[in-house]
Amino acid sequence: MANTGNSTDGDRTMYVRFQQGDEDGLRDALSDLDRGETTSPHFEVVFDDPDDIHRVTRPKNLELLRTIAQYEPESIRETARLVDRDVRQVHTNLEELAALHLIEFEQDGRRKRPTVWYETIEVDLPLSESDVSRDRANA
């Protein structure tokens, strides 16, 4: 996951990409940092498995992400209450989202508080495999 790059208007967007990241954006951000310039955060996660993209966009996971971003619940239990679901099921889904690098847990005593650091998710799923195939052939 890359945490540097350019973003506009202070919008914190998580870019979810399939098989190919934004190498130009990362390179530009690193150049800015080398020159001592401040760069806006760029959050990106790249998945090679299409099932991971499905896990991100599953309705129950999107509901959890929206709830966390909007209400900033103090615990997994509060998150479950907000979405009106069983705590164990919510815990399982939150662990999955953490494994996908889409949420973090802040430990507060015995409680784990789910957090997100972005306001929007943008999914980039190329329909043409020619770019990916060409890149692999040239590697």
C-alpha atoms as a PDB file:
ATOM      1  CA  MET A   1       0.000   0.000   0.000  1.00  0.00           C
ATOM      2  CA  ALA A   2       1.351   3.419  -0.903  1.00  0.00           C
ATOM      3  CA  ASN A   3       0.639   6.377   1.354  1.00  0.00           C
ATOM      4  CA  THR A   4       2.054   9.228  -0.720  1.00  0.00           C
ATOM      5  CA  GLY A   5       0.964  11.101  -3.809  1.00  0.00           C
ATOM      6  CA  ASN A   6      -1.356  13.832  -4.919  1.00  0.00           C
ATOM      7  CA  SER A   7      -4.960  14.467  -4.006  1.00  0.00           C
ATOM      8  CA  THR A   8      -7.202  17.465  -4.624  1.00  0.00           C
ATOM      9  CA  ASP A   9      -9.099  19.785  -2.295  1.00  0.00           C
ATOM     10  CA  GLY A  10      -8.013  17.897   0.825  1.00  0.00           C
ATOM     11  CA  ASP A  11     -10.202  14.975  -0.227  1.00  0.00           C
ATOM     12  CA  ARG A  12      -8.897  11.781   1.303  1.00  0.00           C
ATOM     13  CA  THR A  13      -9.604   9.052  -1.219  1.00  0.00           C
ATOM     14  CA  MET A  14      -8.593   5.405  -0.944  1.00  0.00           C
ATOM     15  CA  TYR A  15      -7.768   4.096  -4.405  1.00  0.00           C
ATOM     16  CA  VAL A  16      -8.495   0.382  -4.766  1.00  0.00           C
ATOM     17  CA  ARG A  17      -6.804  -0.943  -7.873  1.00  0.00           C
ATOM     18  CA  PHE A  18      -6.627  -4.322  -9.551  1.00  0.00           C
ATOM     19  CA  GLN A  19      -3.181  -5.650 -10.548  1.00  0.00           C
ATOM     20  CA  GLN A  20      -1.709  -2.265 -11.378  1.00  0.00           C
ATOM     21  CA  GLY A  21      -0.953   0.684  -9.096  1.00  0.00           C
ATOM     22  CA  ASP A  22      -0.458   4.355  -9.864  1.00  0.00           C
ATOM     23  CA  GLU A  23       3.314   4.245 -10.309  1.00  0.00           C
ATOM     24  CA  ASP A  24       3.440   7.723 -11.888  1.00  0.00           C
ATOM     25  CA  GLY A  25       1.597   9.272  -8.942  1.00  0.00           C
ATOM     26  CA  LEU A  26       3.906   7.554  -6.474  1.00  0.00           C
ATOM     27  CA  ARG A  27       6.996   8.601  -8.424  1.00  0.00           C
ATOM     28  CA  ASP A  28       5.770  12.236  -8.548  1.00  0.00           C
ATOM     29  CA  ALA A  29       5.071  12.228  -4.807  1.00  0.00           C
ATOM     30  CA  LEU A  30       8.512  10.831  -4.007  1.00  0.00           C
ATOM     31  CA  SER A  31      10.105  13.489  -6.230  1.00  0.00           C
ATOM     32  CA  ASP A  32       8.154  16.196  -4.395  1.00  0.00           C
ATOM     33  CA  LEU A  33       9.365  14.818  -1.058  1.00  0.00           C
ATOM     34  CA  ASP A  34      12.974  14.680  -2.320  1.00  0.00           C
ATOM     35  CA  ARG A  35      12.713  18.389  -3.194  1.00  0.00           C
ATOM     36  CA  GLY A  36      11.382  19.098   0.307  1.00  0.00           C
ATOM     37  CA  GLU A  37       7.905  19.920  -0.955  1.00  0.00           C
ATOM     38  CA  THR A  38       4.755  18.953   0.886  1.00  0.00           C
ATOM     39  CA  THR A  39       2.582  16.425  -0.881  1.00  0.00           C
ATOM     40  CA  SER A  40      -1.042  15.522  -0.231  1.00  0.00           C
ATOM     41  CA  PRO A  41      -1.727  12.006   1.031  1.00  0.00           C
ATOM     42  CA  HIS A  42      -2.419   9.350  -1.577  1.00  0.00           C
ATOM     43  CA  PHE A  43      -3.876   6.149  -0.202  1.00  0.00           C
ATOM     44  CA  GLU A  44      -3.755   3.147  -2.493  1.00  0.00           C
ATOM     45  CA  VAL A  45      -4.113  -0.589  -2.177  1.00  0.00           C
ATOM     46  CA  VAL A  46      -3.497  -2.893  -5.133  1.00  0.00           C
ATOM     47  CA  PHE A  47      -5.065  -6.343  -5.252  1.00  0.00           C
ATOM     48  CA  ASP A  48      -4.039  -9.197  -7.545  1.00  0.00           C
ATOM     49  CA  ASP A  49      -6.990 -11.404  -6.619  1.00  0.00           C
ATOM     50  CA  PRO A  50     -10.413 -10.378  -8.015  1.00  0.00           C
ATOM     51  CA  ASP A  51     -12.010 -11.907  -4.905  1.00  0.00           C
ATOM     52  CA  ASP A  52     -10.368  -9.119  -2.874  1.00  0.00           C
ATOM     53  CA  ILE A  53     -12.153  -6.512  -5.000  1.00  0.00           C
ATOM     54  CA  HIS A  54     -15.393  -8.401  -4.342  1.00  0.00           C
ATOM     55  CA  ARG A  55     -14.716  -8.358  -0.585  1.00  0.00           C
ATOM     56  CA  VAL A  56     -14.246  -4.578  -0.689  1.00  0.00           C
ATOM     57  CA  THR A  57     -17.487  -3.965  -2.582  1.00  0.00           C
ATOM     58  CA  ARG A  58     -19.660  -6.480  -0.736  1.00  0.00           C
ATOM     59  CA  PRO A  59     -22.730  -4.564   0.552  1.00  0.00           C
ATOM     60  CA  LYS A  60     -22.207  -5.493   4.224  1.00  0.00           C
ATOM     61  CA  ASN A  61     -18.565  -4.376   4.103  1.00  0.00           C
ATOM     62  CA  LEU A  62     -19.482  -1.117   2.366  1.00  0.00           C
ATOM     63  CA  GLU A  63     -22.123  -0.531   5.031  1.00  0.00           C
ATOM     64  CA  LEU A  64     -19.469  -1.008   7.724  1.00  0.00           C
ATOM     65  CA  LEU A  65     -17.014   1.330   5.996  1.00  0.00           C
ATOM     66  CA  ARG A  66     -19.679   4.018   5.608  1.00  0.00           C
ATOM     67  CA  THR A  67     -20.748   3.633   9.234  1.00  0.00           C
ATOM     68  CA  ILE A  68     -17.181   3.913  10.521  1.00  0.00           C
ATOM     69  CA  ALA A  69     -16.474   6.977   8.342  1.00  0.00           C
ATOM     70  CA  GLN A  70     -19.717   8.707   9.278  1.00  0.00           C
ATOM     71  CA  TYR A  71     -20.192   7.867  12.965  1.00  0.00           C
ATOM     72  CA  GLU A  72     -16.659   7.042  14.176  1.00  0.00           C
ATOM     73  CA  PRO A  73     -17.859   4.310  16.581  1.00  0.00           C
ATOM     74  CA  GLU A  74     -15.838   3.733  19.762  1.00  0.00           C
ATOM     75  CA  SER A  75     -15.838  -0.066  19.537  1.00  0.00           C
ATOM     76  CA  ILE A  76     -16.752  -3.106  17.493  1.00  0.00           C
ATOM     77  CA  ARG A  77     -19.837  -3.529  19.681  1.00  0.00           C
ATOM     78  CA  GLU A  78     -20.992   0.017  18.926  1.00  0.00           C
ATOM     79  CA  THR A  79     -20.351  -0.565  15.227  1.00  0.00           C
ATOM     80  CA  ALA A  80     -22.548  -3.685  15.351  1.00  0.00           C
ATOM     81  CA  ARG A  81     -25.273  -1.721  17.118  1.00  0.00           C
ATOM     82  CA  LEU A  82     -25.158   1.028  14.474  1.00  0.00           C
ATOM     83  CA  VAL A  83     -25.617  -1.474  11.621  1.00  0.00           C
ATOM     84  CA  ASP A  84     -28.049  -3.634  13.637  1.00  0.00           C
ATOM     85  CA  ARG A  85     -26.037  -6.834  13.204  1.00  0.00           C
ATOM     86  CA  ASP A  86     -24.548  -9.536  15.413  1.00  0.00           C
ATOM     87  CA  VAL A  87     -21.253  -8.486  17.050  1.00  0.00           C
ATOM     88  CA  ARG A  88     -19.453 -11.678  15.983  1.00  0.00           C
ATOM     89  CA  GLN A  89     -20.438 -11.221  12.333  1.00  0.00           C
ATOM     90  CA  VAL A  90     -19.369  -7.577  12.406  1.00  0.00           C
ATOM     91  CA  HIS A  91     -16.091  -8.537  14.082  1.00  0.00           C
ATOM     92  CA  THR A  92     -15.414 -11.086  11.314  1.00  0.00           C
ATOM     93  CA  ASN A  93     -16.164  -8.507   8.598  1.00  0.00           C
ATOM     94  CA  LEU A  94     -13.999  -5.872  10.311  1.00  0.00           C
ATOM     95  CA  GLU A  95     -11.078  -8.303  10.583  1.00  0.00           C
ATOM     96  CA  GLU A  96     -11.469  -8.976   6.859  1.00  0.00           C
ATOM     97  CA  LEU A  97     -11.414  -5.226   6.121  1.00  0.00           C
ATOM     98  CA  ALA A  98      -8.309  -4.837   8.281  1.00  0.00           C
ATOM     99  CA  ALA A  99      -6.595  -7.669   6.377  1.00  0.00           C
ATOM    100  CA  LEU A 100      -7.434  -5.800   3.154  1.00  0.00           C
ATOM    101  CA  HIS A 101      -5.786  -2.660   4.619  1.00  0.00           C
ATOM    102  CA  LEU A 102      -9.042  -0.699   4.513  1.00  0.00           C
ATOM    103  CA  ILE A 103      -9.454  -0.119   8.245  1.00  0.00           C
ATOM    104  CA  GLU A 104      -7.239   0.011  11.299  1.00  0.00           C
ATOM    105  CA  PHE A 105      -8.026  -0.822  14.888  1.00  0.00           C
ATOM    106  CA  GLU A 106      -7.075   1.533  17.701  1.00  0.00           C
ATOM    107  CA  GLN A 107      -6.702  -0.319  20.981  1.00  0.00           C
ATOM    108  CA  ASP A 108      -8.485   1.369  23.901  1.00  0.00           C
ATOM    109  CA  GLY A 109      -8.114  -0.899  26.905  1.00  0.00           C
ATOM    110  CA  ARG A 110     -10.041  -4.032  26.017  1.00  0.00           C
ATOM    111  CA  ARG A 111     -11.941  -2.283  23.226  1.00  0.00           C
ATOM    112  CA  LYS A 112     -10.841  -2.140  19.610  1.00  0.00           C
ATOM    113  CA  ARG A 113     -12.003   0.950  17.765  1.00  0.00           C
ATOM    114  CA  PRO A 114     -12.295   0.567  13.962  1.00  0.00           C
ATOM    115  CA  THR A 115     -11.054   3.611  12.056  1.00  0.00           C
ATOM    116  CA  VAL A 116     -10.720   4.748   8.456  1.00  0.00           C
ATOM    117  CA  TRP A 117      -8.415   7.517   7.277  1.00  0.00           C
ATOM    118  CA  TYR A 118     -10.195   8.318   4.014  1.00  0.00           C
ATOM    119  CA  GLU A 119     -13.569   9.745   3.002  1.00  0.00           C
ATOM    120  CA  THR A 120     -14.083   8.060  -0.367  1.00  0.00           C
ATOM    121  CA  ILE A 121     -13.174   4.796  -2.063  1.00  0.00           C
ATOM    122  CA  GLU A 122     -12.438   4.836  -5.766  1.00  0.00           C
ATOM    123  CA  VAL A 123     -12.200   1.425  -7.443  1.00  0.00           C
ATOM    124  CA  ASP A 124     -10.110   1.120 -10.602  1.00  0.00           C
ATOM    125  CA  LEU A 125     -10.892  -2.138 -12.373  1.00  0.00           C
ATOM    126  CA  PRO A 126      -9.531  -2.290 -15.930  1.00  0.00           C
ATOM    127  CA  LEU A 127     -11.697  -4.247 -18.319  1.00  0.00           C
ATOM    128  CA  SER A 128      -8.910  -4.756 -20.829  1.00  0.00           C
ATOM    129  CA  GLU A 129      -6.137  -7.149 -19.882  1.00  0.00           C
ATOM    130  CA  SER A 130      -3.853  -5.903 -22.657  1.00  0.00           C
ATOM    131  CA  ASP A 131      -2.115  -3.305 -20.472  1.00  0.00           C
ATOM    132  CA  VAL A 132      -1.544  -5.754 -17.632  1.00  0.00           C
ATOM    133  CA  SER A 133      -0.461  -8.544 -19.994  1.00  0.00           C
ATOM    134  CA  ARG A 134       1.906  -6.224 -21.862  1.00  0.00           C
ATOM    135  CA  ASP A 135       3.435  -5.034 -18.578  1.00  0.00           C
ATOM    136  CA  ARG A 136       4.004  -8.625 -17.435  1.00  0.00           C
ATOM    137  CA  ALA A 137       5.607  -9.558 -20.774  1.00  0.00           C
ATOM    138  CA  ASN A 138       8.015  -6.623 -20.476  1.00  0.00           C
ATOM    139  CA  ALA A 139       8.957  -7.381 -16.856  1.00  0.00           C
END
